[in-house]
């Protein structure tokens, strides 16, 4: 019960709601590319082939990335297990930075004059994710409802 409280505990603040919505909206299209093939993506099998064959990731990591970016983004917007998803996003973004973007420097490739994209975008992911890990889901989160339901049950017992 204590672990559950630490995972779902949150307040009624608006700030985590805003962070959840915007981080989820930014991440979901990337997940939809990987899972469904939307927005010019390769879909689940194409992405899994790329992750395992070209990148050399174990299949379980590739699977986790696809699910985290797609279903995890929806869960984040709803405020389900916000802290767990947020910390997973922070580690995912760090992995993306060090595996694919760090060598290209800080800045994104706005003008097309460098070999690849920098890591500033993923640094924002990390910042937003850490803020959500600290605060929890906030207002209108399912996490908050879980805590309120558990408190009501413990008072009636």
N, C-alpha and C. Protein backbone atom coordinates (compact mmCIF):
# COMPACT_ATOMS: atom_id res chain seq x y z
N UNK A 1 0.82 -1.20 0.00
CA UNK A 1 0.00 0.00 0.00
C UNK A 1 0.86 1.26 0.00
N UNK A 2 1.99 1.24 0.71
CA UNK A 2 2.87 2.41 0.76
C UNK A 2 3.47 2.68 -0.62
N UNK A 3 3.89 1.64 -1.32
CA UNK A 3 4.45 1.82 -2.66
C UNK A 3 3.37 2.38 -3.58
N UNK A 4 2.16 1.87 -3.48
CA UNK A 4 1.05 2.37 -4.29
C UNK A 4 0.81 3.85 -4.01
N UNK A 5 0.87 4.25 -2.74
CA UNK A 5 0.68 5.66 -2.40
C UNK A 5 1.77 6.52 -3.02
N UNK A 6 3.01 6.07 -2.97
CA UNK A 6 4.12 6.84 -3.55
C UNK A 6 3.99 6.98 -5.06
N UNK A 7 3.49 5.95 -5.71
CA UNK A 7 3.32 5.99 -7.16
C UNK A 7 2.19 6.93 -7.57
N UNK A 8 1.05 6.84 -6.89
CA UNK A 8 -0.14 7.56 -7.31
C UNK A 8 -0.38 8.89 -6.60
N UNK A 9 0.32 9.15 -5.50
CA UNK A 9 0.09 10.36 -4.72
C UNK A 9 0.28 11.62 -5.57
N UNK A 10 -0.64 12.54 -5.46
CA UNK A 10 -0.55 13.80 -6.19
C UNK A 10 -1.42 14.83 -5.49
N UNK A 11 -1.36 16.04 -5.96
CA UNK A 11 -2.22 17.09 -5.40
C UNK A 11 -3.23 17.51 -6.46
N UNK A 12 -3.88 18.64 -6.27
CA UNK A 12 -4.92 19.09 -7.19
C UNK A 12 -4.42 20.23 -8.07
N UNK A 13 -3.13 20.25 -8.34
CA UNK A 13 -2.50 21.34 -9.08
C UNK A 13 -2.79 21.24 -10.58
N UNK A 14 -2.86 22.39 -11.23
CA UNK A 14 -3.07 22.47 -12.67
C UNK A 14 -1.79 22.21 -13.45
N UNK A 15 -0.65 22.52 -12.87
CA UNK A 15 0.62 22.43 -13.60
C UNK A 15 0.89 21.02 -14.13
N UNK A 16 0.75 19.97 -13.31
CA UNK A 16 0.98 18.63 -13.87
C UNK A 16 0.00 18.27 -14.98
N UNK A 17 -1.22 18.77 -14.90
CA UNK A 17 -2.19 18.52 -15.97
C UNK A 17 -1.67 19.07 -17.29
N UNK A 18 -1.19 20.31 -17.26
CA UNK A 18 -0.66 20.94 -18.48
C UNK A 18 0.55 20.15 -18.99
N UNK A 19 1.46 19.79 -18.09
CA UNK A 19 2.64 19.01 -18.49
C UNK A 19 2.24 17.66 -19.08
N UNK A 20 1.29 16.97 -18.46
CA UNK A 20 0.83 15.67 -18.95
C UNK A 20 0.27 15.78 -20.36
N UNK A 21 -0.60 16.77 -20.55
CA UNK A 21 -1.24 16.91 -21.86
C UNK A 21 -0.22 17.21 -22.94
N UNK A 22 0.67 18.16 -22.70
CA UNK A 22 1.60 18.55 -23.75
C UNK A 22 2.69 17.51 -24.00
N UNK A 23 3.21 16.90 -22.95
CA UNK A 23 4.20 15.85 -23.16
C UNK A 23 3.55 14.67 -23.89
N UNK A 24 2.35 14.29 -23.49
CA UNK A 24 1.65 13.21 -24.17
C UNK A 24 1.36 13.53 -25.63
N UNK A 25 0.95 14.77 -25.90
CA UNK A 25 0.67 15.17 -27.29
C UNK A 25 1.92 15.20 -28.16
N UNK A 26 3.04 15.51 -27.57
CA UNK A 26 4.30 15.55 -28.32
C UNK A 26 4.83 14.13 -28.58
N UNK A 27 4.67 13.26 -27.60
CA UNK A 27 5.22 11.91 -27.71
C UNK A 27 4.32 10.99 -28.55
N UNK A 28 3.01 11.12 -28.42
CA UNK A 28 2.10 10.18 -29.06
C UNK A 28 2.31 10.02 -30.57
N UNK A 29 2.48 11.09 -31.35
CA UNK A 29 2.68 10.89 -32.80
C UNK A 29 3.90 10.01 -33.11
N UNK A 30 4.95 10.10 -32.31
CA UNK A 30 6.12 9.25 -32.52
C UNK A 30 5.76 7.79 -32.24
N UNK A 31 4.98 7.57 -31.19
CA UNK A 31 4.52 6.22 -30.89
C UNK A 31 3.57 5.69 -31.94
N UNK A 32 2.71 6.55 -32.46
CA UNK A 32 1.76 6.14 -33.50
C UNK A 32 2.50 5.78 -34.79
N UNK A 33 3.60 6.46 -35.09
CA UNK A 33 4.42 6.08 -36.23
C UNK A 33 4.95 4.66 -36.05
N UNK A 34 5.42 4.41 -34.83
CA UNK A 34 6.06 3.12 -34.56
C UNK A 34 5.05 1.98 -34.42
N UNK A 35 3.90 2.24 -33.83
CA UNK A 35 2.93 1.17 -33.58
C UNK A 35 1.98 0.96 -34.76
N UNK A 36 1.45 2.04 -35.31
CA UNK A 36 0.40 1.95 -36.33
C UNK A 36 0.87 2.28 -37.75
N UNK A 37 2.04 2.88 -37.90
CA UNK A 37 2.49 3.32 -39.21
C UNK A 37 1.89 4.65 -39.63
N UNK A 38 1.27 5.36 -38.69
CA UNK A 38 0.69 6.67 -38.99
C UNK A 38 1.80 7.70 -39.18
N UNK A 39 1.46 8.81 -39.79
CA UNK A 39 2.36 9.96 -39.95
C UNK A 39 3.67 9.57 -40.65
N UNK A 40 3.58 8.67 -41.59
CA UNK A 40 4.76 8.27 -42.35
C UNK A 40 5.65 7.26 -41.64
N UNK A 41 5.17 6.66 -40.56
CA UNK A 41 5.97 5.68 -39.83
C UNK A 41 5.97 4.31 -40.49
N UNK A 42 6.72 3.38 -39.92
CA UNK A 42 6.87 2.03 -40.50
C UNK A 42 5.99 0.98 -39.83
N UNK A 43 5.22 1.38 -38.82
CA UNK A 43 4.38 0.42 -38.14
C UNK A 43 5.18 -0.47 -37.21
N UNK A 44 4.48 -1.37 -36.54
CA UNK A 44 5.11 -2.19 -35.51
C UNK A 44 6.23 -3.06 -36.07
N UNK A 45 5.95 -3.87 -37.11
CA UNK A 45 7.00 -4.78 -37.57
C UNK A 45 8.17 -4.06 -38.20
N UNK A 46 7.91 -3.02 -38.96
CA UNK A 46 9.01 -2.27 -39.56
C UNK A 46 9.89 -1.61 -38.50
N UNK A 47 9.25 -1.08 -37.47
CA UNK A 47 10.00 -0.44 -36.39
C UNK A 47 10.78 -1.47 -35.59
N UNK A 48 10.15 -2.61 -35.30
CA UNK A 48 10.85 -3.67 -34.56
C UNK A 48 12.05 -4.17 -35.36
N UNK A 49 11.88 -4.33 -36.66
CA UNK A 49 13.01 -4.75 -37.50
C UNK A 49 14.14 -3.72 -37.43
N UNK A 50 13.78 -2.44 -37.52
CA UNK A 50 14.79 -1.39 -37.44
C UNK A 50 15.50 -1.41 -36.08
N UNK A 51 14.73 -1.48 -35.01
CA UNK A 51 15.32 -1.47 -33.66
C UNK A 51 16.24 -2.67 -33.45
N UNK A 52 15.82 -3.85 -33.86
CA UNK A 52 16.61 -5.05 -33.58
C UNK A 52 17.74 -5.25 -34.58
N UNK A 53 17.49 -5.01 -35.87
CA UNK A 53 18.51 -5.27 -36.89
C UNK A 53 19.48 -4.09 -37.08
N UNK A 54 18.94 -2.91 -37.32
CA UNK A 54 19.81 -1.75 -37.60
C UNK A 54 20.43 -1.15 -36.35
N UNK A 55 19.62 -1.00 -35.30
CA UNK A 55 20.11 -0.35 -34.08
C UNK A 55 20.77 -1.37 -33.15
N UNK A 56 20.31 -2.61 -33.21
CA UNK A 56 20.88 -3.65 -32.36
C UNK A 56 20.29 -3.73 -30.96
N UNK A 57 19.08 -3.18 -30.80
CA UNK A 57 18.42 -3.26 -29.49
C UNK A 57 17.84 -4.65 -29.27
N UNK A 58 17.83 -5.13 -28.05
CA UNK A 58 17.09 -6.36 -27.77
C UNK A 58 15.60 -6.13 -28.07
N UNK A 59 14.91 -7.18 -28.48
CA UNK A 59 13.52 -7.01 -28.91
C UNK A 59 12.65 -6.45 -27.78
N UNK A 60 12.95 -6.83 -26.55
CA UNK A 60 12.13 -6.37 -25.42
C UNK A 60 12.25 -4.85 -25.23
N UNK A 61 13.42 -4.30 -25.48
CA UNK A 61 13.62 -2.84 -25.39
C UNK A 61 12.86 -2.15 -26.52
N UNK A 62 12.97 -2.68 -27.72
CA UNK A 62 12.22 -2.11 -28.86
C UNK A 62 10.72 -2.13 -28.60
N UNK A 63 10.23 -3.25 -28.12
CA UNK A 63 8.81 -3.38 -27.78
C UNK A 63 8.42 -2.36 -26.72
N UNK A 64 9.23 -2.23 -25.68
CA UNK A 64 8.97 -1.28 -24.60
C UNK A 64 8.91 0.15 -25.12
N UNK A 65 9.82 0.53 -26.01
CA UNK A 65 9.84 1.88 -26.57
C UNK A 65 8.55 2.14 -27.35
N UNK A 66 8.14 1.20 -28.17
CA UNK A 66 6.92 1.36 -28.98
C UNK A 66 5.69 1.53 -28.08
N UNK A 67 5.56 0.68 -27.08
CA UNK A 67 4.40 0.74 -26.18
C UNK A 67 4.44 2.02 -25.33
N UNK A 68 5.63 2.38 -24.84
CA UNK A 68 5.76 3.58 -24.01
C UNK A 68 5.38 4.83 -24.78
N UNK A 69 5.84 4.93 -26.03
CA UNK A 69 5.56 6.14 -26.81
C UNK A 69 4.12 6.20 -27.33
N UNK A 70 3.45 5.07 -27.46
CA UNK A 70 2.08 5.08 -27.99
C UNK A 70 1.06 4.98 -26.85
N UNK A 71 0.94 3.82 -26.27
CA UNK A 71 -0.05 3.61 -25.21
C UNK A 71 0.33 4.40 -23.96
N UNK A 72 1.63 4.50 -23.69
CA UNK A 72 2.09 5.27 -22.54
C UNK A 72 1.71 6.74 -22.64
N UNK A 73 1.74 7.29 -23.85
CA UNK A 73 1.37 8.69 -24.04
C UNK A 73 -0.11 8.92 -23.74
N UNK A 74 -0.94 7.98 -24.15
CA UNK A 74 -2.38 8.08 -23.85
C UNK A 74 -2.60 7.98 -22.35
N UNK A 75 -1.91 7.03 -21.72
CA UNK A 75 -2.03 6.86 -20.27
C UNK A 75 -1.54 8.11 -19.54
N UNK A 76 -0.48 8.71 -20.04
CA UNK A 76 0.04 9.93 -19.41
C UNK A 76 -0.97 11.06 -19.47
N UNK A 77 -1.58 11.27 -20.61
CA UNK A 77 -2.59 12.33 -20.74
C UNK A 77 -3.74 12.08 -19.76
N UNK A 78 -4.12 10.81 -19.60
CA UNK A 78 -5.19 10.46 -18.67
C UNK A 78 -4.73 10.53 -17.21
N UNK A 79 -3.44 10.55 -16.99
CA UNK A 79 -2.92 10.60 -15.63
C UNK A 79 -2.90 9.25 -14.95
N UNK A 80 -2.60 8.21 -15.70
CA UNK A 80 -2.51 6.85 -15.15
C UNK A 80 -1.05 6.51 -14.91
N UNK A 81 -0.70 6.21 -13.66
CA UNK A 81 0.68 5.86 -13.30
C UNK A 81 1.65 6.92 -13.82
N UNK A 82 1.30 8.17 -13.60
CA UNK A 82 2.07 9.30 -14.13
C UNK A 82 3.54 9.23 -13.75
N UNK A 83 3.83 8.96 -12.50
CA UNK A 83 5.24 8.92 -12.07
C UNK A 83 6.02 7.82 -12.79
N UNK A 84 5.44 6.66 -12.94
CA UNK A 84 6.14 5.56 -13.62
C UNK A 84 6.40 5.89 -15.09
N UNK A 85 5.39 6.39 -15.76
CA UNK A 85 5.55 6.75 -17.17
C UNK A 85 6.55 7.89 -17.31
N UNK A 86 6.48 8.87 -16.42
CA UNK A 86 7.39 10.01 -16.49
C UNK A 86 8.84 9.59 -16.33
N UNK A 87 9.13 8.74 -15.36
CA UNK A 87 10.53 8.33 -15.18
C UNK A 87 10.99 7.47 -16.35
N UNK A 88 10.07 6.68 -16.90
CA UNK A 88 10.42 5.88 -18.09
C UNK A 88 10.73 6.81 -19.27
N UNK A 89 9.95 7.89 -19.43
CA UNK A 89 10.23 8.86 -20.50
C UNK A 89 11.58 9.55 -20.31
N UNK A 90 11.91 9.87 -19.06
CA UNK A 90 13.20 10.51 -18.81
C UNK A 90 14.34 9.59 -19.23
N UNK A 91 14.26 8.32 -18.87
CA UNK A 91 15.31 7.36 -19.26
C UNK A 91 15.29 7.13 -20.77
N UNK A 92 14.12 7.05 -21.36
CA UNK A 92 14.02 6.87 -22.81
C UNK A 92 14.67 8.04 -23.54
N UNK A 93 14.34 9.26 -23.12
CA UNK A 93 14.91 10.44 -23.78
C UNK A 93 16.42 10.49 -23.61
N UNK A 94 16.91 10.13 -22.43
CA UNK A 94 18.36 10.09 -22.21
C UNK A 94 19.00 9.07 -23.15
N UNK A 95 18.37 7.91 -23.29
CA UNK A 95 18.88 6.90 -24.21
C UNK A 95 18.89 7.38 -25.65
N UNK A 96 17.84 8.08 -26.04
CA UNK A 96 17.77 8.63 -27.40
C UNK A 96 18.87 9.66 -27.61
N UNK A 97 19.09 10.51 -26.61
CA UNK A 97 20.14 11.52 -26.72
C UNK A 97 21.48 10.86 -26.94
N UNK A 98 21.84 9.92 -26.08
CA UNK A 98 23.18 9.34 -26.14
C UNK A 98 23.37 8.36 -27.28
N UNK A 99 22.30 7.76 -27.77
CA UNK A 99 22.45 6.81 -28.87
C UNK A 99 22.37 7.48 -30.25
N UNK A 100 21.66 8.59 -30.35
CA UNK A 100 21.39 9.13 -31.69
C UNK A 100 21.64 10.62 -31.89
N UNK A 101 21.64 11.43 -30.83
CA UNK A 101 21.64 12.87 -31.04
C UNK A 101 22.81 13.63 -30.43
N UNK A 102 23.44 13.08 -29.43
CA UNK A 102 24.50 13.81 -28.73
C UNK A 102 25.63 14.23 -29.67
N UNK A 103 25.99 13.34 -30.59
CA UNK A 103 27.10 13.63 -31.51
C UNK A 103 26.80 14.79 -32.45
N UNK A 104 25.53 15.20 -32.56
CA UNK A 104 25.17 16.30 -33.45
C UNK A 104 25.08 17.64 -32.74
N UNK A 105 25.39 17.66 -31.45
CA UNK A 105 25.37 18.90 -30.68
C UNK A 105 24.00 19.21 -30.10
N UNK A 106 23.92 20.36 -29.51
CA UNK A 106 22.73 20.77 -28.77
C UNK A 106 21.54 21.10 -29.67
N UNK A 107 21.77 21.88 -30.71
CA UNK A 107 20.67 22.45 -31.48
C UNK A 107 20.05 21.48 -32.47
N UNK A 108 18.74 21.63 -32.64
CA UNK A 108 18.05 20.89 -33.69
C UNK A 108 18.53 21.44 -35.03
N UNK A 109 18.32 20.70 -36.07
CA UNK A 109 18.83 21.06 -37.39
C UNK A 109 17.82 21.90 -38.17
N UNK A 110 17.52 23.08 -37.65
CA UNK A 110 16.49 23.93 -38.25
C UNK A 110 16.80 24.32 -39.69
N UNK A 111 18.06 24.53 -40.01
CA UNK A 111 18.42 25.04 -41.33
C UNK A 111 19.04 23.98 -42.24
N UNK A 112 19.11 22.75 -41.77
CA UNK A 112 19.62 21.66 -42.59
C UNK A 112 21.11 21.72 -42.85
N UNK A 113 21.85 22.41 -41.99
CA UNK A 113 23.29 22.56 -42.24
C UNK A 113 24.16 21.66 -41.36
N UNK A 114 23.58 20.67 -40.73
CA UNK A 114 24.38 19.72 -39.95
C UNK A 114 23.93 18.30 -40.30
N UNK A 115 24.72 17.32 -39.91
CA UNK A 115 24.48 15.94 -40.31
C UNK A 115 23.21 15.34 -39.69
N UNK A 116 22.81 15.80 -38.52
CA UNK A 116 21.64 15.23 -37.85
C UNK A 116 21.05 16.23 -36.89
N UNK A 117 20.11 15.75 -36.10
CA UNK A 117 19.42 16.60 -35.13
C UNK A 117 20.15 16.60 -33.79
N UNK A 118 20.22 17.76 -33.15
CA UNK A 118 20.79 17.86 -31.81
C UNK A 118 19.81 17.34 -30.77
N UNK A 119 20.17 17.50 -29.52
CA UNK A 119 19.40 16.87 -28.45
C UNK A 119 18.51 17.82 -27.65
N UNK A 120 18.35 19.07 -28.05
CA UNK A 120 17.57 20.02 -27.24
C UNK A 120 16.12 19.57 -27.05
N UNK A 121 15.52 19.00 -28.06
CA UNK A 121 14.13 18.53 -27.99
C UNK A 121 13.97 17.47 -26.89
N UNK A 122 14.88 16.53 -26.86
CA UNK A 122 14.79 15.45 -25.88
C UNK A 122 15.16 15.91 -24.48
N UNK A 123 15.93 16.97 -24.39
CA UNK A 123 16.21 17.57 -23.09
C UNK A 123 14.93 18.16 -22.49
N UNK A 124 14.08 18.71 -23.34
CA UNK A 124 12.77 19.19 -22.87
C UNK A 124 11.91 18.04 -22.37
N UNK A 125 11.95 16.91 -23.07
CA UNK A 125 11.23 15.71 -22.60
C UNK A 125 11.68 15.37 -21.19
N UNK A 126 12.98 15.35 -20.99
CA UNK A 126 13.53 14.97 -19.68
C UNK A 126 13.06 15.95 -18.61
N UNK A 127 13.12 17.24 -18.90
CA UNK A 127 12.69 18.24 -17.92
C UNK A 127 11.23 18.10 -17.56
N UNK A 128 10.38 17.93 -18.56
CA UNK A 128 8.95 17.76 -18.30
C UNK A 128 8.69 16.46 -17.54
N UNK A 129 9.39 15.40 -17.91
CA UNK A 129 9.20 14.11 -17.26
C UNK A 129 9.64 14.16 -15.79
N UNK A 130 10.75 14.81 -15.51
CA UNK A 130 11.21 14.91 -14.12
C UNK A 130 10.21 15.73 -13.30
N UNK A 131 9.69 16.81 -13.88
CA UNK A 131 8.69 17.61 -13.17
C UNK A 131 7.45 16.76 -12.84
N UNK A 132 7.03 15.92 -13.77
CA UNK A 132 5.88 15.04 -13.52
C UNK A 132 6.22 13.94 -12.52
N UNK A 133 7.43 13.46 -12.55
CA UNK A 133 7.85 12.45 -11.57
C UNK A 133 7.80 13.04 -10.16
N UNK A 134 8.19 14.28 -10.02
CA UNK A 134 8.19 14.94 -8.71
C UNK A 134 6.76 15.24 -8.25
N UNK A 135 5.94 15.75 -9.16
CA UNK A 135 4.61 16.24 -8.77
C UNK A 135 3.51 15.18 -8.78
N UNK A 136 3.64 14.19 -9.63
CA UNK A 136 2.53 13.27 -9.84
C UNK A 136 1.58 13.85 -10.88
N UNK A 137 0.43 13.22 -11.04
CA UNK A 137 -0.49 13.55 -12.13
C UNK A 137 -1.27 14.84 -11.99
N UNK A 138 -1.50 15.31 -10.78
CA UNK A 138 -2.23 16.56 -10.58
C UNK A 138 -3.72 16.46 -10.86
N UNK A 139 -4.28 17.61 -11.16
CA UNK A 139 -5.73 17.75 -11.38
C UNK A 139 -6.21 16.84 -12.52
N UNK A 140 -7.40 16.29 -12.34
CA UNK A 140 -8.07 15.45 -13.34
C UNK A 140 -7.25 14.22 -13.74
N UNK A 141 -6.43 13.70 -12.85
CA UNK A 141 -5.67 12.49 -13.17
C UNK A 141 -6.36 11.27 -12.56
N UNK A 142 -6.21 10.16 -13.22
CA UNK A 142 -6.73 8.91 -12.67
C UNK A 142 -5.95 8.55 -11.42
N UNK A 143 -4.67 8.91 -11.36
CA UNK A 143 -3.87 8.70 -10.15
C UNK A 143 -4.56 9.31 -8.94
N UNK A 144 -5.04 10.53 -9.09
CA UNK A 144 -5.71 11.23 -7.99
C UNK A 144 -6.96 10.47 -7.56
N UNK A 145 -7.71 9.98 -8.52
CA UNK A 145 -8.92 9.21 -8.21
C UNK A 145 -8.58 7.91 -7.48
N UNK A 146 -7.50 7.26 -7.88
CA UNK A 146 -7.08 6.03 -7.20
C UNK A 146 -6.75 6.31 -5.74
N UNK A 147 -6.00 7.38 -5.49
CA UNK A 147 -5.65 7.74 -4.11
C UNK A 147 -6.90 8.09 -3.31
N UNK A 148 -7.82 8.87 -3.90
CA UNK A 148 -9.04 9.26 -3.19
C UNK A 148 -9.90 8.03 -2.87
N UNK A 149 -9.99 7.09 -3.81
CA UNK A 149 -10.75 5.86 -3.58
C UNK A 149 -10.13 5.04 -2.46
N UNK A 150 -8.81 4.92 -2.47
CA UNK A 150 -8.12 4.16 -1.42
C UNK A 150 -8.27 4.82 -0.05
N UNK A 151 -8.24 6.14 -0.01
CA UNK A 151 -8.44 6.85 1.26
C UNK A 151 -9.85 6.60 1.79
N UNK A 152 -10.84 6.66 0.90
CA UNK A 152 -12.23 6.43 1.30
C UNK A 152 -12.41 5.01 1.84
N UNK A 153 -11.75 4.04 1.19
CA UNK A 153 -11.84 2.66 1.65
C UNK A 153 -11.19 2.48 3.02
N UNK A 154 -10.05 3.15 3.22
CA UNK A 154 -9.35 2.99 4.51
C UNK A 154 -10.12 3.67 5.64
N UNK A 155 -10.84 4.75 5.34
CA UNK A 155 -11.65 5.40 6.39
C UNK A 155 -12.87 4.58 6.76
N UNK A 156 -13.43 3.85 5.79
CA UNK A 156 -14.63 3.07 6.06
C UNK A 156 -14.31 1.71 6.69
N UNK A 157 -13.06 1.31 6.63
CA UNK A 157 -12.69 -0.01 7.18
C UNK A 157 -12.54 0.00 8.67
